[in-house]
Amino acid sequence: MKDDALLSRQAMEKAFQELKESEERYRSLFNSIDEGFCVIEMYFDSDGKPADFRFLEANPAFEKQSGLSGAVGKCVREILPQLETHWYETYGRVALTGESIRFIDEARALDGRWFDVYAFRLGAPECRRVAILFSDISERRRLQEKTREQADSLADLNRHKDQFLAMLSHELRNPLAAIQYAVQALRLQPNKDPIQAEAQETLDRQVSQLTRLVDDLLDVSRITTGRIQLKLESLDLRDVVHRAVETCRPKADQKGQRLTESSADQAMWVEGDAVRLEQVFVNLLDNANKYTDREGLIAVTLQKEGDEAVLRVRDNGVGIAAEVLPKVFELFMQADQALDRAQGGLGVGLALVQLLVAMHEGRVEARSEVGQGSEFIIRLPVCPSPRKRTDDRNKTAQPPTDALRVLVVEDNLDVARSIARLLRVSGYDVRVVHNGASTMTAALEFMPNAVLLDIGLPDVDGLQLAKWIRQEPALRNVLLVALTGYGLESDKQRVREAGIDHHLVKPVSFEKVNSILATATRKPG
């Protein structure tokens, strides 16, 4: 019996020692974690609703994380009477259901602190005990809120920037359009003396340059915000390159530069947007023209290499410094501020080239040495076979055989007079109005075949006028052409929704206007 009692006492002592060691391990772990940890006992009222809870245990990090001291043994309503009801409800639900929960919430009663909380039931259901592991994330929350506010502010600034660019575009396009139409009217005059002819060519070139600067600046904004869509079709890239070369040849001739073009003998088909690709090539040629001396050489070559069409634009100009070369495609990057300002430019041309080439699933690179000229190389994937074109680009508009009636609605007097003069010289019957109120009366009296309609009118929105015209039975077949300074994609969408047939952004060539007017029917009704 004595031996049995001794064994039993030893077993108890061992179990007690193991329990003590286990408790020490638990206490060591309990005290060492840097998150707040506590055990609470829930109290419910006679209706079974959570009414209060008492702190049974708390680790050293509890006070740091919660800001509460001496909480153990006390009820929360005693030390924090303003605590929000949802805290009681959440912990009471855990105690009753046994379902653990992870959540983030604010305790306004604790100076607006935010907590990341994990709560789970501890022990038997009748004990009503809940263990809570939590961290004070107030600083992180403040940083997130600050980041969100900064993001909202940047988005707002970006929105204002887009609005400013759209308005800037509109304000610049009106005077540019007036100048361009006046130049085109002068071109129709016979027997010009050499001084007039030279002045006309100068005006024409500078208007084109200003228009390109405005377009480039707006295009960068559109592309970077994903608001530009490519009109893809199968193209013979040789044709696009040739048009770009011929567009830039007058500038090269003016500087006495030799601009050469060499292309493959066979068609080189790519899937692309003809207008945008020509814009890319013109930008590269303009860049070469700008930084190549008088009587310099600019060589354009187009060859097929494997499954790629490769365009090279090489010049023997000033070249690009090694430290600048990796940055030439960055927006607003200008290698030499003094030189760039002397030559003109906004530092967006090459950035636009890279963006547009990437949209065509191609790539562009620059090679250069100071004093040895530069070479820009564009690689585009070729198509195995040409697809049917979506429109007939070889179709030439025929001039009207009798006088089509055209109503010009334009509040800018210079633009209105210039476009009207060109239309009359070309054989159209023209009437001009300068506001929305006059448009309604004039349209019913004049019964036009086509209306060239400005959008930004002083009294009635041009889009409202278009909708009114479409609702008037006598004018249902009138050709509506928006001739406006607003050129964002959202503007084009509103124009389409108003029932307008064509959207032209000022300044636009009279040839384009004439081509569209040639499609008008002879009877408006």
Protein backbone atom coordinates (compact mmCIF):
# COMPACT_ATOMS: atom_id res chain seq x y z
CA MET A 1 0.00 0.00 0.00
CA LYS A 2 2.86 2.36 0.90
CA ASP A 3 4.42 1.73 -2.52
CA ASP A 4 1.13 2.50 -4.25
CA ALA A 5 0.72 5.74 -2.30
CA LEU A 6 4.29 6.75 -3.13
CA LEU A 7 3.74 6.09 -6.83
CA SER A 8 0.50 8.00 -6.78
CA ARG A 9 2.17 10.98 -5.05
CA GLN A 10 5.03 10.94 -7.54
CA ALA A 11 2.59 10.81 -10.44
CA MET A 12 0.69 13.78 -9.03
CA GLU A 13 3.90 15.72 -8.51
CA LYS A 14 4.94 14.96 -12.10
CA ALA A 15 1.56 15.99 -13.45
CA PHE A 16 1.69 19.17 -11.37
CA GLN A 17 5.18 19.92 -12.66
CA GLU A 18 4.10 19.34 -16.23
CA LEU A 19 1.03 21.53 -15.68
CA LYS A 20 3.24 24.22 -14.16
CA GLU A 21 5.66 24.06 -17.07
CA SER A 22 2.77 24.14 -19.52
CA GLU A 23 1.31 27.17 -17.76
CA GLU A 24 4.70 28.89 -17.81
CA ARG A 25 4.99 28.23 -21.54
CA TYR A 26 1.47 29.58 -22.06
CA ARG A 27 2.23 32.62 -19.87
CA SER A 28 5.52 33.22 -21.66
CA LEU A 29 3.76 33.05 -25.03
CA PHE A 30 0.85 35.12 -23.69
CA ASN A 31 3.20 37.88 -22.51
CA SER A 32 5.59 37.86 -25.46
CA ILE A 33 3.24 38.48 -28.39
CA ASP A 34 3.18 42.10 -29.50
CA GLU A 35 -0.50 42.04 -30.42
CA GLY A 36 -3.05 42.82 -27.76
CA PHE A 37 -4.64 39.72 -26.25
CA CYS A 38 -7.38 39.43 -23.68
CA VAL A 39 -10.01 37.02 -22.42
CA ILE A 40 -13.45 38.43 -21.61
CA GLU A 41 -16.58 37.05 -19.98
CA MET A 42 -19.85 38.15 -21.57
CA TYR A 43 -22.92 39.19 -19.54
CA PHE A 44 -26.42 39.10 -21.02
CA ASP A 45 -29.63 40.80 -19.85
CA SER A 46 -32.96 39.11 -19.17
CA ASP A 47 -33.84 39.27 -22.85
CA GLY A 48 -30.65 37.44 -23.84
CA LYS A 49 -29.02 40.53 -25.30
CA PRO A 50 -25.33 41.27 -24.58
CA ALA A 51 -25.18 43.92 -21.87
CA ASP A 52 -21.56 44.03 -20.68
CA PHE A 53 -18.32 42.09 -20.49
CA ARG A 54 -15.55 41.73 -17.92
CA PHE A 55 -11.83 41.46 -18.62
CA LEU A 56 -10.50 38.21 -17.15
CA GLU A 57 -6.97 38.28 -18.55
CA ALA A 58 -4.82 40.66 -20.59
CA ASN A 59 -1.24 40.47 -21.85
CA PRO A 60 1.29 43.32 -21.51
CA ALA A 61 0.64 44.45 -25.11
CA PHE A 62 -3.05 44.94 -24.31
CA GLU A 63 -2.53 48.36 -22.77
CA LYS A 64 -0.26 49.53 -25.59
CA GLN A 65 -2.68 48.42 -28.29
CA SER A 66 -5.92 49.58 -26.62
CA GLY A 67 -4.80 52.49 -24.46
CA LEU A 68 -6.62 50.93 -21.45
CA SER A 69 -4.74 50.36 -18.17
CA GLY A 70 -5.80 48.29 -15.17
CA ALA A 71 -8.61 46.66 -17.10
CA VAL A 72 -8.32 43.10 -15.69
CA GLY A 73 -11.14 42.32 -13.28
CA LYS A 74 -13.24 45.27 -14.43
CA CYS A 75 -16.27 45.53 -16.69
CA VAL A 76 -16.02 47.55 -19.84
CA ARG A 77 -19.00 49.76 -18.93
CA GLU A 78 -17.09 50.76 -15.81
CA ILE A 79 -13.93 51.87 -17.60
CA LEU A 80 -15.32 52.73 -21.03
CA PRO A 81 -19.03 53.63 -20.71
CA GLN A 82 -19.19 55.25 -24.18
CA LEU A 83 -18.13 52.14 -26.09
CA GLU A 84 -20.35 51.59 -29.12
CA THR A 85 -23.08 48.92 -28.99
CA HIS A 86 -21.77 46.95 -31.96
CA TRP A 87 -18.74 45.78 -29.95
CA TYR A 88 -21.02 44.07 -27.37
CA GLU A 89 -23.16 42.57 -30.11
CA THR A 90 -20.16 41.16 -32.01
CA TYR A 91 -18.53 39.51 -28.99
CA GLY A 92 -21.91 38.28 -27.68
CA ARG A 93 -22.58 36.56 -31.01
CA VAL A 94 -19.20 34.80 -30.82
CA ALA A 95 -19.90 33.63 -27.26
CA LEU A 96 -23.34 32.25 -28.18
CA THR A 97 -22.64 30.68 -31.57
CA GLY A 98 -19.00 29.64 -31.22
CA GLU A 99 -18.27 31.11 -34.66
CA SER A 100 -14.98 32.99 -34.72
CA ILE A 101 -14.78 36.32 -36.55
CA ARG A 102 -12.11 38.55 -38.13
CA PHE A 103 -12.98 42.21 -38.72
CA ILE A 104 -11.69 45.78 -38.84
CA ASP A 105 -13.62 48.52 -37.06
CA GLU A 106 -13.34 51.86 -35.33
CA ALA A 107 -13.75 52.47 -31.59
CA ARG A 108 -14.73 56.14 -31.33
CA ALA A 109 -14.78 55.85 -27.55
CA LEU A 110 -11.03 55.12 -27.71
CA ASP A 111 -10.14 58.40 -29.45
CA GLY A 112 -11.22 57.02 -32.80
CA ARG A 113 -8.72 54.18 -32.87
CA TRP A 114 -9.05 51.53 -35.58
CA PHE A 115 -8.50 47.86 -34.71
CA ASP A 116 -7.85 44.67 -36.65
CA VAL A 117 -9.60 42.05 -34.46
CA TYR A 118 -9.81 38.27 -34.32
CA ALA A 119 -12.28 36.90 -31.74
CA PHE A 120 -13.10 33.26 -30.89
CA ARG A 121 -14.97 31.43 -28.12
CA LEU A 122 -12.89 29.99 -25.31
CA GLY A 123 -14.07 26.99 -23.30
CA ALA A 124 -17.56 25.55 -23.00
CA PRO A 125 -20.56 27.52 -24.32
CA GLU A 126 -21.96 28.10 -20.83
CA CYS A 127 -18.75 29.89 -19.81
CA ARG A 128 -19.56 32.77 -22.17
CA ARG A 129 -15.87 33.48 -22.61
CA VAL A 130 -14.30 35.06 -25.68
CA ALA A 131 -10.60 35.38 -26.50
CA ILE A 132 -9.66 38.52 -28.46
CA LEU A 133 -6.46 39.05 -30.43
CA PHE A 134 -6.16 42.59 -31.83
CA SER A 135 -3.84 45.28 -33.18
CA ASP A 136 -4.16 49.04 -33.26
CA ILE A 137 -4.03 49.93 -36.99
CA SER A 138 -4.94 53.60 -36.60
CA GLU A 139 -1.71 54.84 -38.12
CA ARG A 140 -2.04 52.47 -41.06
CA ARG A 141 -5.63 53.57 -41.50
CA ARG A 142 -4.59 57.23 -41.48
CA LEU A 143 -1.95 56.51 -44.10
CA GLN A 144 -4.51 54.65 -46.23
CA GLU A 145 -6.95 57.53 -45.90
CA LYS A 146 -4.22 60.00 -46.77
CA THR A 147 -3.23 57.89 -49.78
CA ARG A 148 -6.86 57.71 -50.88
CA GLU A 149 -7.25 61.48 -50.52
CA GLN A 150 -4.06 62.00 -52.50
CA ALA A 151 -5.31 59.60 -55.19
CA ASP A 152 -8.64 61.45 -55.31
CA SER A 153 -6.78 64.74 -55.52
CA LEU A 154 -4.57 63.47 -58.34
CA ALA A 155 -7.62 62.11 -60.17
CA ASP A 156 -9.29 65.49 -59.74
CA LEU A 157 -6.20 67.27 -61.01
CA ASN A 158 -6.04 64.88 -63.95
CA ARG A 159 -9.70 65.54 -64.69
CA HIS A 160 -9.13 69.29 -64.58
CA LYS A 161 -6.07 68.83 -66.80
CA ASP A 162 -8.14 66.98 -69.38
CA GLN A 163 -10.81 69.67 -69.23
CA PHE A 164 -8.16 72.34 -69.62
CA LEU A 165 -6.58 70.56 -72.59
CA ALA A 166 -9.98 70.14 -74.22
CA MET A 167 -10.74 73.84 -73.75
CA LEU A 168 -7.24 74.82 -74.86
CA SER A 169 -7.70 72.69 -77.96
CA HIS A 170 -11.01 74.36 -78.72
CA GLU A 171 -9.64 77.86 -78.22
CA LEU A 172 -6.58 77.18 -80.37
CA ARG A 173 -8.41 75.37 -83.14
CA ASN A 174 -10.78 78.22 -83.95
CA PRO A 175 -8.06 80.75 -84.89
CA LEU A 176 -6.06 77.99 -86.58
CA ALA A 177 -9.09 77.03 -88.65
CA ALA A 178 -9.71 80.65 -89.67
CA ILE A 179 -6.09 81.05 -90.78
CA GLN A 180 -6.07 77.74 -92.62
CA TYR A 181 -9.28 78.49 -94.51
CA ALA A 182 -7.98 81.95 -95.41
CA VAL A 183 -4.76 80.41 -96.75
CA GLN A 184 -6.76 77.88 -98.77
CA ALA A 185 -8.86 80.70 -100.20
CA LEU A 186 -5.69 82.57 -101.20
CA ARG A 187 -4.46 79.46 -102.95
CA LEU A 188 -7.49 79.60 -105.24
CA GLN A 189 -6.64 83.12 -106.39
CA PRO A 190 -4.88 83.31 -109.80
CA ASN A 191 -1.84 85.42 -110.72
CA LYS A 192 -0.22 85.62 -107.28
CA ASP A 193 3.08 87.47 -107.20
CA PRO A 194 6.13 85.63 -105.71
CA ILE A 195 5.92 87.47 -102.37
CA GLN A 196 2.28 86.47 -101.89
CA ALA A 197 3.01 82.89 -102.87
CA GLU A 198 5.92 82.69 -100.41
CA ALA A 199 3.86 84.24 -97.61
CA GLN A 200 1.05 81.79 -98.32
CA GLU A 201 3.38 78.79 -98.14
CA THR A 202 4.86 80.08 -94.86
CA LEU A 203 1.41 80.48 -93.32
CA ASP A 204 0.41 77.03 -94.50
CA ARG A 205 3.48 75.36 -92.99
CA GLN A 206 3.19 77.16 -89.65
CA VAL A 207 -0.51 76.43 -89.27
CA SER A 208 0.21 72.77 -89.95
CA GLN A 209 2.97 72.81 -87.34
CA LEU A 210 0.75 74.45 -84.71
CA THR A 211 -2.04 72.00 -85.45
CA ARG A 212 0.35 69.07 -85.05
CA LEU A 213 1.57 70.39 -81.69
CA VAL A 214 -1.98 70.68 -80.39
CA ASP A 215 -2.87 67.21 -81.67
CA ASP A 216 0.25 65.61 -80.17
CA LEU A 217 -0.36 67.11 -76.75
CA LEU A 218 -3.96 65.94 -76.69
CA ASP A 219 -3.12 62.51 -78.08
CA VAL A 220 -0.66 61.81 -75.27
CA SER A 221 -3.38 62.57 -72.74
CA ARG A 222 -5.87 60.37 -74.58
CA ILE A 223 -3.52 57.41 -74.90
CA THR A 224 -2.22 57.48 -71.32
CA THR A 225 -5.79 57.48 -70.02
CA GLY A 226 -6.95 54.77 -72.43
CA ARG A 227 -9.37 57.02 -74.30
CA ILE A 228 -8.06 56.45 -77.82
CA GLN A 229 -9.20 53.67 -80.13
CA LEU A 230 -7.33 52.45 -83.20
CA LYS A 231 -9.23 51.96 -86.46
CA LEU A 232 -7.43 48.82 -87.59
CA GLU A 233 -7.31 47.55 -91.16
CA SER A 234 -4.83 45.75 -93.40
CA LEU A 235 -2.39 48.30 -94.80
CA ASP A 236 0.50 48.24 -97.21
CA LEU A 237 2.99 50.00 -94.97
CA ARG A 238 4.88 51.30 -97.99
CA ASP A 239 1.92 53.60 -98.79
CA VAL A 240 1.80 55.00 -95.26
CA VAL A 241 5.55 55.63 -95.21
CA HIS A 242 5.43 57.31 -98.62
CA ARG A 243 2.65 59.68 -97.51
CA ALA A 244 4.62 60.60 -94.40
CA VAL A 245 7.76 61.29 -96.47
CA GLU A 246 5.86 63.48 -98.91
CA THR A 247 4.24 65.36 -96.03
CA CYS A 248 7.66 66.20 -94.60
CA ARG A 249 9.48 66.80 -97.87
CA PRO A 250 8.65 70.56 -98.07
CA LYS A 251 10.30 71.15 -94.69
CA ALA A 252 13.38 69.20 -95.80
CA ASP A 253 13.53 71.15 -99.05
CA GLN A 254 13.30 74.41 -97.15
CA LYS A 255 16.46 73.50 -95.19
CA GLY A 256 18.19 72.12 -98.28
CA GLN A 257 18.20 68.63 -96.76
CA ARG A 258 18.27 65.47 -98.86
CA LEU A 259 15.34 63.23 -97.89
CA THR A 260 15.56 59.76 -99.42
CA GLU A 261 13.09 56.89 -99.33
CA SER A 262 13.78 53.22 -99.98
CA SER A 263 11.14 50.49 -99.62
CA ALA A 264 10.84 46.81 -100.39
CA ASP A 265 9.62 45.85 -103.88
CA GLN A 266 6.71 43.75 -102.61
CA ALA A 267 3.72 44.88 -100.55
CA MET A 268 4.30 44.87 -96.79
CA TRP A 269 1.00 44.27 -95.03
CA VAL A 270 0.41 45.21 -91.41
CA GLU A 271 -2.68 45.46 -89.26
CA GLY A 272 -2.83 49.10 -88.25
CA ASP A 273 -4.47 52.49 -88.13
CA ALA A 274 -3.28 54.38 -91.22
CA VAL A 275 -3.75 57.82 -89.67
CA ARG A 276 -1.93 56.96 -86.46
CA LEU A 277 0.96 55.19 -88.18
CA GLU A 278 1.43 58.13 -90.53
CA GLN A 279 1.45 60.35 -87.43
CA VAL A 280 4.24 58.18 -85.97
CA PHE A 281 6.38 58.41 -89.11
CA VAL A 282 5.81 62.15 -89.52
CA ASN A 283 6.88 62.72 -85.92
CA LEU A 284 10.13 60.81 -86.51
CA LEU A 285 10.82 62.73 -89.71
CA ASP A 286 10.05 66.06 -88.04
CA ASN A 287 12.45 65.14 -85.27
CA ALA A 288 15.17 64.29 -87.80
CA ASN A 289 14.52 67.53 -89.69
CA LYS A 290 14.74 69.57 -86.51
CA TYR A 291 18.13 68.23 -85.40
CA THR A 292 19.80 67.90 -88.79
CA ASP A 293 21.76 70.82 -90.21
CA ARG A 294 21.04 72.50 -93.50
CA GLU A 295 21.99 70.34 -96.47
CA GLY A 296 22.04 67.28 -94.20
CA LEU A 297 20.80 63.79 -95.05
CA ILE A 298 17.67 62.01 -93.80
CA ALA A 299 17.29 58.44 -95.06
CA VAL A 300 14.10 56.41 -94.69
CA THR A 301 14.22 52.67 -95.37
CA LEU A 302 11.48 50.04 -95.03
CA GLN A 303 12.34 46.35 -95.22
CA LYS A 304 10.91 43.05 -94.07
CA GLU A 305 13.00 41.16 -91.52
CA GLY A 306 11.56 37.78 -90.57
CA ASP A 307 7.93 38.33 -89.54
CA GLU A 308 8.42 42.06 -88.94
CA ALA A 309 8.24 45.22 -91.00
CA VAL A 310 11.22 47.36 -90.03
CA LEU A 311 11.31 51.10 -90.64
CA ARG A 312 14.56 53.00 -90.13
CA VAL A 313 14.83 56.79 -90.05
CA ARG A 314 18.51 57.77 -90.14
CA ASP A 315 20.00 61.28 -90.14
CA ASN A 316 23.49 62.78 -89.91
CA GLY A 317 22.46 65.51 -87.48
CA VAL A 318 23.70 66.53 -84.03
CA GLY A 319 23.02 63.16 -82.40
CA ILE A 320 21.95 62.35 -78.85
CA ALA A 321 24.18 62.17 -75.77
CA ALA A 322 24.61 58.72 -74.20
CA GLU A 323 23.10 59.78 -70.87
CA VAL A 324 20.01 61.16 -72.60
CA LEU A 325 19.45 58.32 -75.09
CA PRO A 326 17.60 55.96 -72.67
CA LYS A 327 15.17 58.78 -71.81
CA VAL A 328 14.27 60.12 -75.26
CA PHE A 329 10.83 58.45 -75.23
CA GLU A 330 9.84 59.95 -71.88
CA LEU A 331 7.06 62.53 -71.89
CA PHE A 332 8.27 66.16 -72.01
CA MET A 333 11.88 64.97 -72.28
CA GLN A 334 14.09 67.48 -74.08
CA ALA A 335 17.75 66.74 -74.58
CA ASP A 336 18.99 70.31 -74.73
CA GLN A 337 16.67 72.98 -73.39
CA ALA A 338 18.35 75.85 -75.19
CA LEU A 339 18.50 73.97 -78.48
CA ASP A 340 14.97 72.62 -78.15
CA ARG A 341 13.53 76.03 -77.52
CA ALA A 342 15.34 77.39 -80.50
CA GLN A 343 14.01 74.57 -82.67
CA GLY A 344 10.53 74.44 -81.11
CA GLY A 345 8.63 71.50 -79.67
CA LEU A 346 6.97 70.34 -76.47
CA GLY A 347 8.91 67.15 -75.84
CA VAL A 348 5.90 64.94 -76.58
CA GLY A 349 6.61 63.74 -80.13
CA LEU A 350 8.80 60.75 -79.32
CA ALA A 351 6.68 59.81 -76.31
CA LEU A 352 3.69 59.72 -78.62
CA VAL A 353 5.66 57.60 -81.12
CA GLN A 354 6.39 54.97 -78.47
CA LEU A 355 2.81 54.91 -77.17
CA LEU A 356 1.27 54.51 -80.63
CA VAL A 357 3.78 51.88 -81.74
CA ALA A 358 3.08 49.88 -78.56
CA MET A 359 -0.67 50.07 -79.32
CA HIS A 360 0.17 48.41 -82.66
CA GLU A 361 2.02 45.62 -80.80
CA GLY A 362 5.33 46.93 -82.11
CA ARG A 363 8.44 48.41 -80.57
CA VAL A 364 10.74 51.34 -81.21
CA GLU A 365 14.39 51.97 -80.35
CA ALA A 366 16.84 54.81 -80.74
CA ARG A 367 20.53 54.62 -81.61
CA SER A 368 22.83 57.62 -81.63
CA GLU A 369 26.18 59.20 -80.88
CA VAL A 370 26.84 62.88 -80.40
CA GLY A 371 27.92 64.39 -83.71
CA GLN A 372 27.20 61.17 -85.62
CA GLY A 373 23.46 61.55 -86.18
CA SER A 374 20.61 59.37 -84.95
CA GLU A 375 18.69 56.33 -86.07
CA PHE A 376 15.16 55.43 -84.96
CA ILE A 377 13.94 51.91 -85.69
CA ILE A 378 10.31 50.80 -85.61
CA ARG A 379 9.36 47.13 -85.79
CA LEU A 380 5.78 46.09 -86.51
CA PRO A 381 4.35 42.56 -86.94
CA VAL A 382 3.39 41.82 -90.55
CA CYS A 383 0.11 40.21 -91.63
CA PRO A 384 0.22 36.87 -93.50
CA SER A 385 -2.39 38.15 -95.95
CA PRO A 386 -4.27 41.39 -96.48
CA ARG A 387 -7.77 41.71 -95.14
CA LYS A 388 -10.56 43.47 -96.95
CA ARG A 389 -10.47 47.16 -96.25
CA THR A 390 -13.31 48.56 -94.19
CA ASP A 391 -13.63 51.60 -96.46
CA ASP A 392 -12.66 52.62 -99.98
CA ARG A 393 -9.68 54.90 -99.61
CA ASN A 394 -9.14 55.17 -103.37
CA LYS A 395 -12.53 56.77 -103.93
CA THR A 396 -12.18 60.39 -104.96
CA ALA A 397 -14.97 62.82 -104.15
CA GLN A 398 -16.48 64.50 -107.16
CA PRO A 399 -17.40 68.17 -106.99
CA PRO A 400 -21.13 68.95 -107.00
CA THR A 401 -22.77 69.14 -110.39
CA ASP A 402 -25.29 71.75 -109.17
CA ALA A 403 -25.36 74.09 -106.21
CA LEU A 404 -25.85 72.22 -102.99
CA ARG A 405 -27.22 74.39 -100.19
CA VAL A 406 -24.92 74.47 -97.16
CA LEU A 407 -25.82 76.13 -93.87
CA VAL A 408 -22.75 77.18 -91.84
CA VAL A 409 -23.42 77.56 -88.10
CA GLU A 410 -20.33 79.15 -86.53
CA ASP A 411 -20.02 81.85 -83.84
CA ASN A 412 -16.39 82.67 -84.72
CA LEU A 413 -16.74 85.31 -87.44
CA ASP A 414 -13.34 84.70 -89.04
CA VAL A 415 -13.90 80.95 -89.25
CA ALA A 416 -17.41 81.44 -90.64
CA ARG A 417 -16.32 83.92 -93.29
CA SER A 418 -13.33 81.82 -94.35
CA ILE A 419 -15.20 78.54 -94.74
CA ALA A 420 -18.12 80.30 -96.46
CA ARG A 421 -15.74 81.95 -98.94
CA LEU A 422 -14.20 78.57 -99.80
CA LEU A 423 -17.62 76.96 -100.22
CA ARG A 424 -18.88 79.71 -102.50
CA VAL A 425 -15.75 79.62 -104.66
CA SER A 426 -16.31 75.86 -104.98
CA GLY A 427 -19.84 76.33 -106.24
CA TYR A 428 -21.98 75.82 -103.13
CA ASP A 429 -24.97 77.95 -102.18
CA VAL A 430 -24.08 79.11 -98.68
CA ARG A 431 -25.86 80.78 -95.79
CA VAL A 432 -24.11 81.66 -92.52
CA VAL A 433 -25.58 82.07 -89.03
CA HIS A 434 -23.72 82.75 -85.79
CA ASN A 435 -25.99 81.42 -83.03
CA GLY A 436 -28.46 78.70 -82.25
CA ALA A 437 -31.60 80.85 -82.36
CA SER A 438 -30.88 81.94 -85.92
CA THR A 439 -30.16 78.36 -86.96
CA MET A 440 -33.71 77.16 -86.40
CA THR A 441 -35.21 79.92 -88.51
CA ALA A 442 -32.56 79.75 -91.24
CA ALA A 443 -32.79 75.96 -91.58
CA LEU A 444 -36.52 76.04 -92.27
CA GLU A 445 -36.23 78.98 -94.67
CA PHE A 446 -33.07 77.87 -96.51
CA MET A 447 -33.81 74.13 -96.48
CA PRO A 448 -30.11 73.15 -96.67
CA ASN A 449 -28.77 69.89 -98.03
CA ALA A 450 -25.98 69.96 -95.43
CA VAL A 451 -25.22 71.79 -92.19
CA LEU A 452 -21.68 72.53 -90.97
CA LEU A 453 -22.39 72.84 -87.28
CA ASP A 454 -20.18 74.25 -84.54
CA ILE A 455 -20.79 72.63 -81.14
CA GLY A 456 -19.71 75.36 -78.72
CA LEU A 457 -22.28 78.02 -79.59
CA PRO A 458 -23.00 80.95 -77.26
CA ASP A 459 -26.73 80.40 -76.72
CA VAL A 460 -27.89 76.91 -77.74
CA ASP A 461 -25.63 73.87 -77.62
CA GLY A 462 -24.84 72.55 -81.11
CA LEU A 463 -25.82 69.05 -79.97
CA GLN A 464 -29.28 70.31 -79.04
CA LEU A 465 -29.58 71.93 -82.47
CA ALA A 466 -28.66 68.63 -84.12
CA LYS A 467 -31.36 66.79 -82.18
CA TRP A 468 -33.91 69.45 -83.16
CA ILE A 469 -32.96 69.15 -86.85
CA ARG A 470 -33.29 65.36 -86.69
CA GLN A 471 -36.78 65.70 -85.22
CA GLU A 472 -37.95 68.13 -87.93
CA PRO A 473 -39.61 66.07 -90.73
CA ALA A 474 -38.68 68.56 -93.46
CA LEU A 475 -34.99 68.26 -92.55
CA ARG A 476 -34.70 64.55 -91.82
CA ASN A 477 -32.29 63.87 -94.74
CA VAL A 478 -29.97 66.82 -94.05
CA LEU A 479 -26.29 65.87 -93.81
CA LEU A 480 -25.03 67.03 -90.40
CA VAL A 481 -21.29 67.68 -90.02
CA ALA A 482 -19.84 68.77 -86.67
CA LEU A 483 -17.02 71.21 -87.38
CA THR A 484 -15.68 71.83 -83.90
CA GLY A 485 -12.66 72.39 -81.72
CA TYR A 486 -13.71 69.63 -79.31
CA GLY A 487 -11.90 66.43 -80.22
CA LEU A 488 -11.86 64.13 -77.18
CA GLU A 489 -13.36 60.65 -77.49
CA SER A 490 -16.15 61.65 -75.12
CA ASP A 491 -16.95 64.59 -77.43
CA LYS A 492 -17.16 62.22 -80.41
CA GLN A 493 -19.52 59.95 -78.50
CA ARG A 494 -21.87 62.85 -77.69
CA VAL A 495 -21.78 63.92 -81.34
CA ARG A 496 -22.80 60.44 -82.47
CA GLU A 497 -25.60 60.30 -79.90
CA ALA A 498 -26.97 63.62 -81.22
CA GLY A 499 -27.44 62.09 -84.68
CA ILE A 500 -24.60 63.96 -86.38
CA ASP A 501 -23.17 62.15 -89.41
CA HIS A 502 -19.53 63.33 -89.28
CA HIS A 503 -17.25 64.75 -86.60
CA LEU A 504 -14.44 66.99 -87.90
CA VAL A 505 -11.93 68.64 -85.59
CA LYS A 506 -10.70 72.12 -86.50
CA PRO A 507 -8.67 72.97 -88.41
CA VAL A 508 -9.60 70.53 -91.15
CA SER A 509 -8.61 70.64 -94.79
CA PHE A 510 -11.23 71.96 -97.17
CA GLU A 511 -10.63 68.88 -99.33
CA LYS A 512 -11.98 66.76 -96.47
CA VAL A 513 -15.03 69.01 -96.06
CA ASN A 514 -15.67 68.94 -99.80
CA SER A 515 -15.37 65.15 -99.87
CA ILE A 516 -18.05 64.81 -97.17
CA LEU A 517 -20.38 67.37 -98.72
CA ALA A 518 -20.26 65.46 -102.01
CA THR A 519 -22.22 62.67 -100.29
CA ALA A 520 -25.15 64.96 -99.40
CA THR A 521 -28.52 64.31 -101.02
CA ARG A 522 -30.07 66.97 -103.24
CA LYS A 523 -33.32 67.12 -101.29
CA PRO A 524 -33.32 67.81 -97.54
CA GLY A 525 -36.80 66.49 -96.94
